[in-house]
C-alpha cells in the first residue's frame, strides 16, 4: 500500500514487472522445503539470501530459511549451541572445546553471521543502484513480491511437521516439532471465519486511518 499509493509510473513495462514479481512471490510461497545441509559454503549462501528479507519487502528471511531446509540448523540448533557455550564459559566450564558437535554448530553460526553481513551490504548496494537507475520497474517488482507473498501469511492453513522414517515427529534441540510446510485451505463460512475476516478489515482501516492522520499532522505542522 505504502509503495503503490504514490506510484504513478504505470506502463507496459511496469505492469509486466508487477506480474513477474507476483509470479515469483507466489512460486516461492508454495515451494517445498529442501533438506537440511550444514555445508559451510551453503550456510554462507543461506546467510546472504535470508538477509534479503531485511532489504526486499515481501520476503521473509525465516521463511526463506525454511525453504532452504536450514531454519532449524541456523536459527535453533546453532543459536542454542551459542547460548550453552556462553553459559558454560560463565560457569568456568570449557569442556565444550572437546565437543565436536558444539564446535561445528558454532562454526555454522559464525559462517551464517558473516554471510548475513555480506548479504546485507551486497543487497543494500544492489537495491540502491536499481532504485536509482530503474526506479519504476524496481518498485513494480517489489509490489509484485509483496502481493505474491501474501500466501505466506494466509491465516487458514494446517502445519505439516517433519517425520522420521518410522512416522514419528522429528524434534529439534528444544524438543519441539520441526515444521516442514503448510497446507493452505479455504475455510468454512462460520463464526470464527467471520471474526477473522472482520479483524482483517479492522487492520486495513487502522492502516488507512494512520495514513490519513499522518497526512493531517504534516499539513498542520507544515
Protein backbone atom coordinates (compact mmCIF):
# COMPACT_ATOMS: atom_id res chain seq x y z
CA UNK A 1 0.00 0.00 0.00
CA UNK A 2 2.71 2.47 1.00
CA UNK A 3 4.67 1.73 -2.16
CA UNK A 4 1.69 1.75 -4.50
CA UNK A 5 -0.29 4.74 -3.23
CA UNK A 6 2.13 7.30 -4.66
CA UNK A 7 3.26 5.24 -7.65
CA UNK A 8 2.33 6.87 -10.96
CA UNK A 9 4.67 5.22 -13.45
CA UNK A 10 2.29 2.60 -14.79
CA UNK A 11 3.01 1.47 -18.34
CA UNK A 12 3.50 -1.79 -20.21
CA UNK A 13 6.94 -2.41 -18.70
CA UNK A 14 5.92 -1.72 -15.10
CA UNK A 15 2.77 -3.84 -15.38
CA UNK A 16 4.86 -6.70 -16.79
CA UNK A 17 7.33 -6.25 -13.92
CA UNK A 18 4.42 -6.34 -11.44
CA UNK A 19 3.15 -9.62 -12.94
CA UNK A 20 6.66 -11.14 -12.88
CA UNK A 21 7.21 -10.09 -9.26
CA UNK A 22 3.82 -11.52 -8.27
CA UNK A 23 4.57 -14.81 -10.03
CA UNK A 24 7.93 -15.08 -8.25
CA UNK A 25 6.33 -14.32 -4.88
CA UNK A 26 3.60 -16.93 -5.38
CA UNK A 27 6.11 -19.53 -6.59
CA UNK A 28 8.38 -19.00 -3.59
CA UNK A 29 5.41 -19.18 -1.20
CA UNK A 30 4.41 -22.66 -2.40
CA UNK A 31 7.83 -24.27 -2.85
CA UNK A 32 8.57 -27.46 -0.92
CA UNK A 33 11.41 -27.08 1.61
CA UNK A 34 14.80 -28.62 0.83
CA UNK A 35 16.62 -30.99 3.16
CA UNK A 36 18.99 -29.70 5.84
CA UNK A 37 22.56 -29.02 4.70
CA UNK A 38 25.36 -27.97 7.08
CA UNK A 39 27.99 -27.44 4.37
CA UNK A 40 29.66 -24.15 5.33
CA UNK A 41 29.53 -22.72 1.80
CA UNK A 42 25.80 -23.41 1.68
CA UNK A 43 25.40 -21.92 5.16
CA UNK A 44 27.15 -18.76 3.92
CA UNK A 45 24.76 -18.69 0.96
CA UNK A 46 21.80 -19.09 3.35
CA UNK A 47 23.01 -16.08 5.31
CA UNK A 48 23.26 -13.94 2.18
CA UNK A 49 19.84 -14.97 0.87
CA UNK A 50 17.91 -14.88 4.15
CA UNK A 51 19.03 -11.35 4.97
CA UNK A 52 17.28 -10.18 1.80
CA UNK A 53 14.15 -10.17 3.93
CA UNK A 54 15.55 -7.05 5.62
CA UNK A 55 16.04 -5.19 2.34
CA UNK A 56 13.38 -6.61 -0.01
CA UNK A 57 9.74 -6.05 1.01
CA UNK A 58 7.58 -9.13 0.64
CA UNK A 59 10.28 -11.64 1.53
CA UNK A 60 10.64 -13.25 4.94
CA UNK A 61 14.15 -14.29 5.88
CA UNK A 62 12.93 -17.05 8.19
CA UNK A 63 10.57 -18.41 5.52
CA UNK A 64 13.43 -18.48 3.00
CA UNK A 65 15.48 -20.49 5.51
CA UNK A 66 12.60 -22.95 5.84
CA UNK A 67 12.58 -23.36 2.05
CA UNK A 68 16.35 -23.86 2.03
CA UNK A 69 15.92 -26.52 4.72
CA UNK A 70 18.21 -24.84 7.25
CA UNK A 71 15.83 -22.96 9.53
CA UNK A 72 16.25 -25.35 12.47
CA UNK A 73 20.01 -25.65 11.94
CA UNK A 74 20.69 -21.91 11.75
CA UNK A 75 18.08 -20.31 14.00
CA UNK A 76 17.54 -23.07 16.56
CA UNK A 77 20.40 -25.54 16.91
CA UNK A 78 23.31 -23.15 16.34
CA UNK A 79 21.78 -20.41 18.50
CA UNK A 80 21.19 -22.93 21.30
CA UNK A 81 24.81 -24.01 20.95
CA UNK A 82 25.95 -20.40 21.38
CA UNK A 83 23.72 -19.97 24.43
CA UNK A 84 25.05 -23.17 26.01
CA UNK A 85 28.63 -22.12 25.26
CA UNK A 86 28.20 -18.71 26.87
CA UNK A 87 26.60 -20.34 29.91
CA UNK A 88 29.46 -22.84 30.18
CA UNK A 89 32.09 -20.09 29.90
CA UNK A 90 30.40 -18.03 32.61
CA UNK A 91 30.35 -21.16 34.78
CA UNK A 92 34.05 -21.72 34.11
CA UNK A 93 33.40 -24.93 32.19
CA UNK A 94 35.47 -25.12 28.99
CA UNK A 95 34.95 -28.81 28.23
CA UNK A 96 32.78 -27.77 25.27
CA UNK A 97 36.05 -27.35 23.33
CA UNK A 98 36.18 -31.14 23.05
CA UNK A 99 32.54 -31.34 21.95
CA UNK A 100 32.73 -31.85 18.18
CA UNK A 101 29.02 -31.17 17.63
CA UNK A 102 29.11 -27.94 19.67
CA UNK A 103 32.15 -26.64 17.80
CA UNK A 104 30.52 -27.48 14.46
CA UNK A 105 27.37 -25.57 15.46
CA UNK A 106 29.46 -22.55 16.48
CA UNK A 107 31.25 -22.66 13.12
CA UNK A 108 27.89 -22.82 11.37
CA UNK A 109 26.61 -19.82 13.33
CA UNK A 110 29.78 -17.81 12.64
CA UNK A 111 29.66 -18.52 8.90
CA UNK A 112 25.93 -17.74 8.82
CA UNK A 113 26.58 -14.40 10.56
CA UNK A 114 29.34 -13.48 8.09
CA UNK A 115 27.09 -14.48 5.20
CA UNK A 116 24.26 -12.34 6.58
CA UNK A 117 26.54 -9.30 6.88
CA UNK A 118 27.87 -9.84 3.36
CA UNK A 119 24.33 -10.24 2.03
CA UNK A 120 23.09 -7.13 3.82
CA UNK A 121 25.87 -5.00 2.35
CA UNK A 122 25.52 -6.54 -1.11
CA UNK A 123 21.73 -6.37 -1.35
CA UNK A 124 21.58 -2.82 0.01
CA UNK A 125 24.04 -1.63 -2.65
CA UNK A 126 22.25 -3.53 -5.41
CA UNK A 127 18.85 -2.23 -4.31
CA UNK A 128 20.18 1.32 -4.12
CA UNK A 129 21.62 1.01 -7.64
CA UNK A 130 18.48 -0.41 -9.28
CA UNK A 131 16.24 2.10 -7.50
CA UNK A 132 18.43 4.90 -8.82
CA UNK A 133 18.59 3.65 -12.41
CA UNK A 134 15.36 1.61 -12.80
CA UNK A 135 13.11 3.06 -10.10
CA UNK A 136 9.64 2.40 -11.58
CA UNK A 137 10.39 -1.15 -12.72
CA UNK A 138 12.05 -1.99 -9.38
CA UNK A 139 9.10 -0.64 -7.39
CA UNK A 140 6.72 -2.63 -9.61
CA UNK A 141 8.65 -5.84 -8.97
CA UNK A 142 8.71 -5.14 -5.22
CA UNK A 143 4.94 -4.61 -5.21
CA UNK A 144 4.61 -7.91 -7.05
CA UNK A 145 6.79 -9.62 -4.43
CA UNK A 146 4.52 -8.32 -1.68
CA UNK A 147 1.31 -9.35 -3.47
CA UNK A 148 2.67 -12.79 -4.34
CA UNK A 149 3.96 -13.47 -0.83
CA UNK A 150 0.57 -12.90 0.81
CA UNK A 151 0.15 -16.68 0.71
CA UNK A 152 2.79 -16.91 3.43
CA UNK A 153 0.56 -15.02 5.89
CA UNK A 154 -2.65 -16.77 4.76
CA UNK A 155 -4.34 -17.45 8.13
CA UNK A 156 -6.17 -20.64 7.18
CA UNK A 157 -3.53 -23.33 6.99
CA UNK A 158 -2.55 -26.55 8.70
CA UNK A 159 1.02 -27.06 9.82
CA UNK A 160 2.84 -30.06 8.34
CA UNK A 161 5.59 -31.38 10.61
CA UNK A 162 8.64 -33.38 9.58
CA UNK A 163 8.57 -37.06 10.48
CA UNK A 164 11.13 -39.85 10.65
CA UNK A 165 11.02 -42.98 8.52
CA UNK A 166 9.08 -44.65 11.33
CA UNK A 167 6.42 -41.94 11.23
CA UNK A 168 7.48 -40.28 14.49
CA UNK A 169 7.65 -36.50 14.67
CA UNK A 170 11.13 -35.05 14.21
CA UNK A 171 12.07 -32.83 17.17
CA UNK A 172 14.61 -30.02 17.41
CA UNK A 173 17.02 -29.47 20.30
CA UNK A 174 14.25 -27.88 22.37
CA UNK A 175 12.00 -30.91 21.92
CA UNK A 176 9.62 -29.07 19.60
CA UNK A 177 8.25 -30.41 16.32
CA UNK A 178 10.07 -29.27 13.18
CA UNK A 179 7.85 -27.50 10.64
CA UNK A 180 8.12 -28.84 7.10
CA UNK A 181 5.45 -26.83 5.29
CA UNK A 182 1.86 -25.59 5.45
CA UNK A 183 -1.31 -26.93 3.89
CA UNK A 184 -3.48 -23.93 2.97
CA UNK A 185 -7.23 -24.28 2.57
CA UNK A 186 -10.40 -22.24 2.02
CA UNK A 187 -12.24 -22.01 5.36
CA UNK A 188 -15.88 -22.78 6.02
CA UNK A 189 -18.07 -19.74 6.48
CA UNK A 190 -18.64 -19.98 10.23
CA UNK A 191 -18.43 -17.61 13.19
CA UNK A 192 -14.65 -17.92 13.61
CA UNK A 193 -14.10 -17.21 9.91
CA UNK A 194 -16.33 -14.12 10.07
CA UNK A 195 -14.40 -12.90 13.12
CA UNK A 196 -11.11 -13.38 11.25
CA UNK A 197 -12.39 -11.53 8.17
CA UNK A 198 -13.67 -8.76 10.42
CA UNK A 199 -10.25 -8.35 12.06
CA UNK A 200 -8.65 -8.23 8.60
CA UNK A 201 -10.85 -5.27 7.68
CA UNK A 202 -10.18 -3.64 11.04
CA UNK A 203 -6.44 -3.90 10.32
CA UNK A 204 -6.94 -2.33 6.89
CA UNK A 205 -8.98 0.51 8.40
CA UNK A 206 -6.28 1.14 11.03
CA UNK A 207 -3.60 1.42 8.32
CA UNK A 208 -5.78 3.83 6.30
CA UNK A 209 -6.55 5.89 9.40
CA UNK A 210 -2.87 6.12 10.32
CA UNK A 211 -2.09 7.32 6.80
CA UNK A 212 -4.87 9.92 6.96
CA UNK A 213 -3.78 11.06 10.43
CA UNK A 214 -0.16 11.32 9.31
CA UNK A 215 -1.07 13.50 6.33
CA UNK A 216 -3.26 15.69 8.53
CA UNK A 217 -0.47 16.11 11.08
CA UNK A 218 2.06 17.01 8.37
CA UNK A 219 -0.29 19.67 6.99
CA UNK A 220 -0.78 21.20 10.44
CA UNK A 221 2.95 21.20 11.23
CA UNK A 222 3.82 22.39 7.73
